[in-house]
Each structure stands twice: as structure tokens, then as C-alpha cells.
């Protein structure tokens, strides 16, 4: 039933209609997305710091972030 309804509209309109049907507050949804992003960045920074320490470097460089980005992305997918 839901798939048939969403097939006739574009995905954004279907998602908006779905949220409205369930009475989800858009402001709280935006806050959840923002907090999720902050947690991801904190995890990325922590892992990059640990990688820099492992390489005996006191400064986090872009190479450290690139080295741990794939691992952090896999952990945060859920």
C-alpha cells in the first residue's frame, strides 16, 4: 500500500507525506540529524587523533583522517 503510493510521486514528496501522516515534528527531525552529524564528526576526530598518536605525530593531518574515515563510516552505518 505504501509502496504503491510512493511510486506515483517523487521521493521527497513521498517522504514529506509520510512524516506528516505520522505527525513527526520537522524541527526535532532536524535536531536529530544535526546531533547525528556532530557525533559522527566527534568519532572521526577521536579516531584521527588516535591514528596521529600511533604515528607519533602531535598534529592531526589529513592523512590521518583519510586513514580512519572508512572505518568510522562503516561503524556509523548501523
N, C-alpha and C. Protein backbone atom coordinates (compact mmCIF):
# COMPACT_ATOMS: atom_id res chain seq x y z
N UNK A 1 0.82 -1.18 0.00
CA UNK A 1 0.00 0.00 0.00
C UNK A 1 0.87 1.25 0.00
N UNK A 2 1.85 1.30 0.86
CA UNK A 2 2.72 2.46 0.95
C UNK A 2 3.63 2.57 -0.26
N UNK A 3 4.11 1.43 -0.77
CA UNK A 3 4.97 1.46 -1.93
C UNK A 3 4.22 1.93 -3.17
N UNK A 4 2.96 1.56 -3.29
CA UNK A 4 2.17 1.98 -4.44
C UNK A 4 1.93 3.49 -4.40
N UNK A 5 1.75 4.04 -3.21
CA UNK A 5 1.54 5.47 -3.08
C UNK A 5 2.81 6.24 -3.40
N UNK A 6 3.95 5.75 -2.95
CA UNK A 6 5.19 6.48 -3.16
C UNK A 6 5.69 6.36 -4.59
N UNK A 7 5.23 5.36 -5.33
CA UNK A 7 5.66 5.20 -6.71
C UNK A 7 5.11 6.27 -7.63
N UNK A 8 3.98 6.85 -7.27
CA UNK A 8 3.36 7.85 -8.13
C UNK A 8 3.94 9.24 -7.92
N UNK A 9 4.66 9.45 -6.83
CA UNK A 9 5.24 10.77 -6.53
C UNK A 9 6.75 10.70 -6.48
N UNK A 10 7.36 11.86 -6.46
CA UNK A 10 8.81 11.86 -6.30
C UNK A 10 9.15 11.50 -4.86
N UNK A 11 10.35 11.02 -4.60
CA UNK A 11 10.71 10.52 -3.26
C UNK A 11 10.59 11.57 -2.15
N UNK A 12 10.94 12.81 -2.45
CA UNK A 12 10.87 13.84 -1.42
C UNK A 12 9.43 14.10 -1.00
N UNK A 13 8.52 14.15 -1.96
CA UNK A 13 7.11 14.36 -1.64
C UNK A 13 6.56 13.18 -0.86
N UNK A 14 6.98 11.97 -1.22
CA UNK A 14 6.51 10.78 -0.50
C UNK A 14 7.01 10.79 0.94
N UNK A 15 8.28 11.18 1.13
CA UNK A 15 8.83 11.22 2.49
C UNK A 15 8.13 12.29 3.32
N UNK A 16 7.88 13.44 2.71
CA UNK A 16 7.19 14.52 3.43
C UNK A 16 5.79 14.09 3.83
N UNK A 17 5.08 13.45 2.91
CA UNK A 17 3.73 12.98 3.22
C UNK A 17 3.76 11.94 4.32
N UNK A 18 4.76 11.08 4.29
CA UNK A 18 4.89 10.04 5.32
C UNK A 18 5.13 10.65 6.69
N UNK A 19 6.00 11.68 6.75
CA UNK A 19 6.27 12.34 8.03
C UNK A 19 5.02 13.07 8.53
N UNK A 20 4.31 13.71 7.63
CA UNK A 20 3.11 14.44 8.04
C UNK A 20 2.04 13.49 8.55
N UNK A 21 1.94 12.33 7.91
CA UNK A 21 0.95 11.34 8.35
C UNK A 21 1.24 10.86 9.76
N UNK A 22 2.50 10.76 10.09
CA UNK A 22 2.88 10.24 11.41
C UNK A 22 3.08 11.35 12.43
N UNK A 23 2.84 12.58 12.07
CA UNK A 23 2.92 13.73 12.97
C UNK A 23 4.31 13.90 13.57
N UNK A 24 5.33 13.77 12.75
CA UNK A 24 6.70 13.98 13.20
C UNK A 24 7.00 15.47 13.12
N UNK A 25 7.58 15.99 14.15
CA UNK A 25 7.95 17.40 14.19
C UNK A 25 9.23 17.59 13.38
N UNK A 26 9.17 18.43 12.34
CA UNK A 26 10.33 18.63 11.48
C UNK A 26 11.49 19.26 12.23
N UNK A 27 11.20 20.11 13.20
CA UNK A 27 12.28 20.75 13.95
C UNK A 27 13.06 19.70 14.75
N UNK A 28 12.36 18.77 15.37
CA UNK A 28 13.05 17.72 16.13
C UNK A 28 13.81 16.80 15.19
N UNK A 29 13.28 16.61 13.98
CA UNK A 29 13.98 15.78 13.00
C UNK A 29 15.28 16.45 12.58
N UNK A 30 15.25 17.75 12.36
CA UNK A 30 16.46 18.49 12.00
C UNK A 30 17.49 18.43 13.13
N UNK A 31 17.03 18.53 14.36
CA UNK A 31 17.93 18.46 15.51
C UNK A 31 18.57 17.08 15.59
N UNK A 32 17.78 16.03 15.34
CA UNK A 32 18.32 14.67 15.35
C UNK A 32 19.40 14.48 14.29
N UNK A 33 19.16 15.01 13.10
CA UNK A 33 20.15 14.90 12.03
C UNK A 33 21.41 15.67 12.39
N UNK A 34 21.23 16.86 12.95
CA UNK A 34 22.37 17.68 13.35
C UNK A 34 23.20 16.99 14.43
N UNK A 35 22.54 16.43 15.43
CA UNK A 35 23.25 15.73 16.50
C UNK A 35 23.95 14.48 15.99
N UNK A 36 23.32 13.81 15.07
CA UNK A 36 23.92 12.64 14.45
C UNK A 36 25.20 13.01 13.72
N UNK A 37 25.16 14.12 13.02
CA UNK A 37 26.33 14.61 12.30
C UNK A 37 27.45 14.99 13.28
N UNK A 38 27.09 15.64 14.37
CA UNK A 38 28.08 16.01 15.38
C UNK A 38 28.75 14.78 16.00
N UNK A 39 27.95 13.75 16.28
CA UNK A 39 28.51 12.52 16.84
C UNK A 39 29.47 11.86 15.85
N UNK A 40 29.11 11.88 14.57
CA UNK A 40 29.98 11.32 13.55
C UNK A 40 31.31 12.07 13.51
N UNK A 41 31.24 13.39 13.52
CA UNK A 41 32.47 14.20 13.47
C UNK A 41 33.33 13.99 14.71
N UNK A 42 32.67 13.82 15.86
CA UNK A 42 33.43 13.57 17.09
C UNK A 42 34.15 12.22 17.01
N UNK A 43 33.45 11.19 16.50
CA UNK A 43 34.09 9.89 16.33
C UNK A 43 35.26 9.96 15.36
N UNK A 44 35.05 10.69 14.26
CA UNK A 44 36.11 10.83 13.26
C UNK A 44 37.32 11.54 13.86
N UNK A 45 37.09 12.59 14.62
CA UNK A 45 38.18 13.33 15.24
C UNK A 45 38.93 12.48 16.26
N UNK A 46 38.19 11.71 17.03
CA UNK A 46 38.81 10.84 18.04
C UNK A 46 39.68 9.78 17.38
N UNK A 47 39.14 9.13 16.35
CA UNK A 47 39.91 8.09 15.66
C UNK A 47 41.13 8.69 14.96
N UNK A 48 40.98 9.88 14.39
CA UNK A 48 42.11 10.53 13.73
C UNK A 48 43.19 10.91 14.75
N UNK A 49 42.77 11.34 15.92
CA UNK A 49 43.73 11.67 16.98
C UNK A 49 44.50 10.42 17.41
N UNK A 50 43.78 9.30 17.55
CA UNK A 50 44.44 8.06 17.93
C UNK A 50 45.42 7.60 16.85
N UNK A 51 45.04 7.79 15.59
CA UNK A 51 45.94 7.43 14.49
C UNK A 51 47.18 8.32 14.49
N UNK A 52 47.01 9.61 14.79
CA UNK A 52 48.16 10.52 14.86
C UNK A 52 49.09 10.12 16.00
N UNK A 53 48.54 9.75 17.13
CA UNK A 53 49.36 9.30 18.26
C UNK A 53 50.10 8.02 17.90
N UNK A 54 49.40 7.14 17.19
CA UNK A 54 50.00 5.88 16.76
C UNK A 54 51.20 6.13 15.83
N UNK A 55 51.08 7.16 15.00
CA UNK A 55 52.17 7.54 14.09
C UNK A 55 53.19 8.45 14.74
N UNK A 56 53.07 8.66 16.03
CA UNK A 56 53.97 9.52 16.82
C UNK A 56 54.04 10.94 16.26
N UNK A 57 52.85 11.47 15.97
CA UNK A 57 52.73 12.82 15.45
C UNK A 57 51.81 13.60 16.39
N UNK A 58 52.17 14.83 16.71
CA UNK A 58 51.36 15.60 17.65
C UNK A 58 50.25 16.40 16.97
N UNK A 59 50.29 16.44 15.63
CA UNK A 59 49.29 17.20 14.88
C UNK A 59 48.47 16.24 14.02
N UNK A 60 47.15 16.41 14.04
CA UNK A 60 46.29 15.59 13.18
C UNK A 60 46.37 16.16 11.76
N UNK A 61 46.77 15.31 10.83
CA UNK A 61 46.90 15.73 9.43
C UNK A 61 45.80 15.07 8.61
N UNK A 62 45.66 15.54 7.38
CA UNK A 62 44.62 14.99 6.50
C UNK A 62 44.84 13.51 6.23
N UNK A 63 46.08 13.07 6.24
CA UNK A 63 46.39 11.65 6.02
C UNK A 63 45.81 10.79 7.14
N UNK A 64 45.82 11.30 8.35
CA UNK A 64 45.26 10.56 9.48
C UNK A 64 43.74 10.43 9.34
N UNK A 65 43.11 11.51 8.90
CA UNK A 65 41.65 11.49 8.73
C UNK A 65 41.27 10.53 7.60
N UNK A 66 42.01 10.57 6.50
CA UNK A 66 41.72 9.67 5.39
C UNK A 66 41.91 8.21 5.79
N UNK A 67 42.89 7.96 6.63
CA UNK A 67 43.19 6.59 7.04
C UNK A 67 42.07 5.98 7.88
N UNK A 68 41.38 6.80 8.67
CA UNK A 68 40.35 6.26 9.56
C UNK A 68 38.93 6.51 9.05
N UNK A 69 38.77 7.26 7.98
CA UNK A 69 37.44 7.64 7.51
C UNK A 69 36.59 6.42 7.14
N UNK A 70 37.18 5.46 6.45
CA UNK A 70 36.42 4.29 6.02
C UNK A 70 35.94 3.47 7.22
N UNK A 71 36.80 3.34 8.22
CA UNK A 71 36.45 2.57 9.42
C UNK A 71 35.30 3.26 10.17
N UNK A 72 35.38 4.57 10.31
CA UNK A 72 34.35 5.32 11.04
C UNK A 72 33.03 5.27 10.27
N UNK A 73 33.08 5.37 8.95
CA UNK A 73 31.87 5.28 8.15
C UNK A 73 31.19 3.92 8.32
N UNK A 74 31.98 2.87 8.32
CA UNK A 74 31.41 1.53 8.49
C UNK A 74 30.77 1.37 9.87
N UNK A 75 31.38 1.95 10.90
CA UNK A 75 30.84 1.85 12.25
C UNK A 75 29.54 2.64 12.39
N UNK A 76 29.44 3.75 11.69
CA UNK A 76 28.28 4.62 11.88
C UNK A 76 27.08 4.25 11.00
N UNK A 77 27.23 3.31 10.12
CA UNK A 77 26.10 2.91 9.26
C UNK A 77 24.98 2.26 10.04
N UNK A 78 25.33 1.52 11.04
CA UNK A 78 24.30 0.94 11.90
C UNK A 78 23.72 -0.32 11.48
